[in-house]
C-alpha cells in the first residue's frame, strides 16, 4: 500500500488540522490610536495654556514704591 492511499479525504484532513490549530491573535489598533489622540490633545492644551498664560512678574513690590530709588539711579551712600 502506497503512502498516498488513505481512507481520509485530504480536504477533510486539512479542515480538521485548521480547526485544531490555535487561532491567530487579533491585533487591535483602537486602544493605541485612542491613547495617541488623547496625548496629542493634552499636548495641544498645554501649548495653548503656555501661550495664553500671563508673563511672570519678577520684580519685588518694594521696587515700585515712590520712596525707593529707581533701578536706573545709583543709590546714594549713607541714604537708606
N, C-alpha and C. Protein backbone atom coordinates (compact mmCIF):
# COMPACT_ATOMS: atom_id res chain seq x y z
N UNK A 1 0.83 -1.16 0.00
CA UNK A 1 0.00 0.00 0.00
C UNK A 1 0.89 1.24 0.00
N UNK A 2 0.61 2.19 -0.86
CA UNK A 2 1.41 3.40 -1.00
C UNK A 2 1.01 4.43 0.05
N UNK A 3 1.85 5.41 0.23
CA UNK A 3 1.56 6.45 1.23
C UNK A 3 0.37 7.32 0.82
N UNK A 4 0.14 7.45 -0.47
CA UNK A 4 -0.96 8.29 -0.93
C UNK A 4 -2.31 7.61 -0.73
N UNK A 5 -2.31 6.31 -0.60
CA UNK A 5 -3.57 5.60 -0.40
C UNK A 5 -4.02 5.79 1.04
N UNK A 6 -5.17 6.44 1.20
CA UNK A 6 -5.70 6.68 2.53
C UNK A 6 -7.21 6.70 2.45
N UNK A 7 -7.84 6.36 3.54
CA UNK A 7 -9.29 6.40 3.55
C UNK A 7 -9.79 7.80 3.89
N UNK A 8 -8.88 8.66 4.34
CA UNK A 8 -9.27 10.02 4.69
C UNK A 8 -9.13 10.93 3.47
N UNK A 9 -10.08 11.81 3.34
CA UNK A 9 -10.01 12.78 2.25
C UNK A 9 -8.99 13.85 2.62
N UNK A 10 -8.13 14.25 1.69
CA UNK A 10 -7.14 15.29 2.01
C UNK A 10 -7.78 16.63 2.38
N UNK A 11 -8.88 16.96 1.75
CA UNK A 11 -9.53 18.24 2.08
C UNK A 11 -10.11 18.21 3.50
N UNK A 12 -10.69 17.07 3.88
CA UNK A 12 -11.24 16.94 5.23
C UNK A 12 -10.13 16.93 6.28
N UNK A 13 -9.01 16.31 5.94
CA UNK A 13 -7.87 16.30 6.85
C UNK A 13 -7.31 17.70 7.03
N UNK A 14 -7.24 18.48 5.97
CA UNK A 14 -6.76 19.87 6.06
C UNK A 14 -7.72 20.71 6.89
N UNK A 15 -9.04 20.46 6.72
CA UNK A 15 -10.04 21.19 7.50
C UNK A 15 -9.90 20.86 8.99
N UNK A 16 -9.68 19.60 9.30
CA UNK A 16 -9.52 19.18 10.71
C UNK A 16 -8.27 19.80 11.32
N UNK A 17 -7.20 19.85 10.57
CA UNK A 17 -5.96 20.48 11.08
C UNK A 17 -6.18 21.98 11.29
N UNK A 18 -6.93 22.61 10.40
CA UNK A 18 -7.20 24.05 10.54
C UNK A 18 -8.07 24.31 11.77
N UNK A 19 -9.01 23.43 12.05
CA UNK A 19 -9.85 23.60 13.22
C UNK A 19 -9.09 23.36 14.52
N UNK A 20 -8.09 22.49 14.49
CA UNK A 20 -7.31 22.20 15.69
C UNK A 20 -6.19 23.22 15.93
N UNK A 21 -5.85 23.97 14.91
CA UNK A 21 -4.77 24.95 15.06
C UNK A 21 -5.22 26.08 15.98
N UNK A 22 -4.27 26.67 16.69
CA UNK A 22 -4.58 27.80 17.57
C UNK A 22 -4.98 29.00 16.73
N UNK A 23 -5.96 29.74 17.18
CA UNK A 23 -6.34 30.93 16.41
C UNK A 23 -5.27 32.01 16.53
N UNK A 24 -5.10 32.76 15.46
CA UNK A 24 -4.12 33.84 15.47
C UNK A 24 -4.65 34.99 16.32
N UNK A 25 -3.80 35.59 17.12
CA UNK A 25 -4.28 36.70 17.96
C UNK A 25 -4.68 37.90 17.09
N UNK A 26 -5.75 38.54 17.51
CA UNK A 26 -6.25 39.70 16.78
C UNK A 26 -5.51 40.94 17.30
N UNK A 27 -4.98 41.69 16.40
CA UNK A 27 -4.28 42.91 16.79
C UNK A 27 -5.27 44.07 16.70
N UNK A 28 -5.52 44.66 17.84
CA UNK A 28 -6.44 45.79 17.89
C UNK A 28 -5.63 47.07 17.88
N UNK A 29 -6.04 48.00 17.05
CA UNK A 29 -5.31 49.26 16.98
C UNK A 29 -6.10 50.41 17.59
N UNK A 30 -7.36 50.20 17.96
CA UNK A 30 -8.15 51.28 18.53
C UNK A 30 -7.61 51.77 19.88
N UNK A 31 -7.18 50.93 20.80
CA UNK A 31 -6.63 51.47 22.05
C UNK A 31 -5.37 52.31 21.82
N UNK A 32 -4.54 51.88 20.91
CA UNK A 32 -3.31 52.64 20.63
C UNK A 32 -3.66 53.96 19.97
N UNK A 33 -4.59 53.93 19.05
CA UNK A 33 -4.99 55.16 18.36
C UNK A 33 -5.67 56.13 19.32
N UNK A 34 -6.47 55.62 20.23
CA UNK A 34 -7.13 56.47 21.22
C UNK A 34 -6.11 57.11 22.16
N UNK A 35 -5.15 56.33 22.62
CA UNK A 35 -4.12 56.87 23.51
C UNK A 35 -3.30 57.94 22.81
N UNK A 36 -2.96 57.73 21.57
CA UNK A 36 -2.20 58.73 20.81
C UNK A 36 -3.01 60.01 20.62
N UNK A 37 -4.30 59.87 20.37
CA UNK A 37 -5.16 61.05 20.20
C UNK A 37 -5.28 61.84 21.50
N UNK A 38 -5.44 61.13 22.62
CA UNK A 38 -5.54 61.81 23.91
C UNK A 38 -4.24 62.54 24.24
N UNK A 39 -3.11 61.89 24.00
CA UNK A 39 -1.83 62.55 24.28
C UNK A 39 -1.62 63.76 23.37
N UNK A 40 -2.06 63.68 22.13
CA UNK A 40 -1.94 64.83 21.23
C UNK A 40 -2.81 65.98 21.72
N UNK A 41 -4.02 65.69 22.15
CA UNK A 41 -4.89 66.76 22.67
C UNK A 41 -4.33 67.39 23.94
N UNK A 42 -3.76 66.57 24.81
CA UNK A 42 -3.15 67.11 26.03
C UNK A 42 -1.96 68.00 25.69
N UNK A 43 -1.16 67.59 24.73
CA UNK A 43 -0.01 68.40 24.34
C UNK A 43 -0.46 69.73 23.74
N UNK A 44 -1.51 69.71 22.94
CA UNK A 44 -2.03 70.95 22.37
C UNK A 44 -2.61 71.84 23.47
N UNK A 45 -3.29 71.25 24.43
CA UNK A 45 -3.85 72.04 25.54
C UNK A 45 -2.74 72.70 26.35
N UNK A 46 -1.66 71.97 26.63
CA UNK A 46 -0.54 72.58 27.36
C UNK A 46 0.12 73.69 26.55
N UNK A 47 0.23 73.51 25.25
CA UNK A 47 0.83 74.54 24.41
C UNK A 47 -0.03 75.79 24.40
N UNK A 48 -1.34 75.64 24.31
CA UNK A 48 -2.25 76.79 24.32
C UNK A 48 -2.19 77.48 25.67
N UNK A 49 -2.15 76.71 26.75
CA UNK A 49 -2.06 77.32 28.08
C UNK A 49 -0.76 78.08 28.26
N UNK A 50 0.32 77.58 27.71
CA UNK A 50 1.60 78.26 27.84
C UNK A 50 1.60 79.57 27.05
N UNK A 51 0.97 79.57 25.89
CA UNK A 51 0.93 80.79 25.07
C UNK A 51 0.00 81.82 25.69
N UNK A 52 -1.13 81.39 26.24
CA UNK A 52 -2.12 82.33 26.77
C UNK A 52 -1.86 82.76 28.21
N UNK A 53 -0.97 82.11 28.91
CA UNK A 53 -0.70 82.45 30.31
C UNK A 53 -0.02 83.81 30.39
N UNK A 54 -0.38 84.59 31.41
CA UNK A 54 0.28 85.89 31.56
C UNK A 54 1.74 85.71 31.97
N UNK A 55 2.59 86.66 31.60
CA UNK A 55 4.01 86.53 31.96
C UNK A 55 4.20 86.67 33.48
N UNK A 56 5.23 86.04 33.98
CA UNK A 56 5.54 86.13 35.40
C UNK A 56 6.18 87.46 35.70
N UNK A 57 5.84 88.05 36.85
CA UNK A 57 6.47 89.30 37.28
C UNK A 57 7.60 88.93 38.21
N UNK A 58 8.77 89.45 37.94
CA UNK A 58 9.94 89.07 38.73
C UNK A 58 10.45 90.21 39.61
N UNK A 59 9.82 91.35 39.60
CA UNK A 59 10.32 92.43 40.44
C UNK A 59 9.58 92.44 41.77
N UNK A 60 10.24 92.92 42.78
CA UNK A 60 9.66 92.94 44.11
C UNK A 60 8.68 94.09 44.22
N UNK A 61 7.77 93.98 45.16
CA UNK A 61 6.79 95.04 45.35
C UNK A 61 7.44 96.30 45.89
N UNK A 62 8.52 96.19 46.66
CA UNK A 62 9.16 97.37 47.23
C UNK A 62 9.89 98.18 46.17
N UNK A 63 10.21 97.59 45.05
CA UNK A 63 10.91 98.32 44.00
C UNK A 63 9.99 99.32 43.30
N UNK A 64 8.68 99.18 43.44
CA UNK A 64 7.77 100.07 42.75
C UNK A 64 7.19 101.15 43.66
N UNK A 65 7.64 101.23 44.92
CA UNK A 65 7.14 102.27 45.82
C UNK A 65 7.80 103.60 45.50
N UNK A 66 7.10 104.71 45.75
CA UNK A 66 7.68 106.02 45.39
C UNK A 66 8.91 106.40 46.22
N UNK A 67 9.07 105.86 47.43
CA UNK A 67 10.20 106.23 48.28
C UNK A 67 11.49 105.53 47.87
N UNK A 68 11.41 104.44 47.16
CA UNK A 68 12.62 103.69 46.82
C UNK A 68 13.26 104.28 45.56
N UNK A 69 14.58 104.22 45.48
CA UNK A 69 15.25 104.76 44.29
C UNK A 69 14.97 103.88 43.07
N UNK A 70 15.03 104.50 41.95
CA UNK A 70 14.80 103.76 40.70
C UNK A 70 15.97 102.84 40.44
N UNK A 71 15.75 101.86 39.62
CA UNK A 71 16.85 100.93 39.29
C UNK A 71 17.90 101.61 38.43
N UNK A 72 17.50 102.65 37.70
CA UNK A 72 18.44 103.35 36.82
C UNK A 72 19.35 104.30 37.60
N UNK A 73 18.85 104.81 38.72
CA UNK A 73 19.65 105.75 39.51
C UNK A 73 20.47 104.99 40.54
N UNK A 74 21.74 105.32 40.69
CA UNK A 74 22.54 104.65 41.73
C UNK A 74 22.11 105.13 43.10
N UNK A 75 22.14 104.25 44.06
CA UNK A 75 21.78 104.60 45.44
C UNK A 75 22.89 105.43 46.03
N UNK A 76 22.50 106.49 46.75
CA UNK A 76 23.50 107.37 47.38
C UNK A 76 24.04 106.70 48.62
N UNK A 77 25.29 106.96 48.91
CA UNK A 77 25.91 106.38 50.08
C UNK A 77 25.38 107.08 51.32
N UNK A 78 25.02 106.32 52.30
CA UNK A 78 24.56 106.90 53.57
C UNK A 78 23.07 107.18 53.58
N UNK A 79 22.38 107.09 52.47
CA UNK A 79 20.94 107.34 52.44
C UNK A 79 20.24 106.00 52.43
N UNK A 80 19.35 105.79 53.38
CA UNK A 80 18.70 104.49 53.44
C UNK A 80 17.70 104.27 52.33
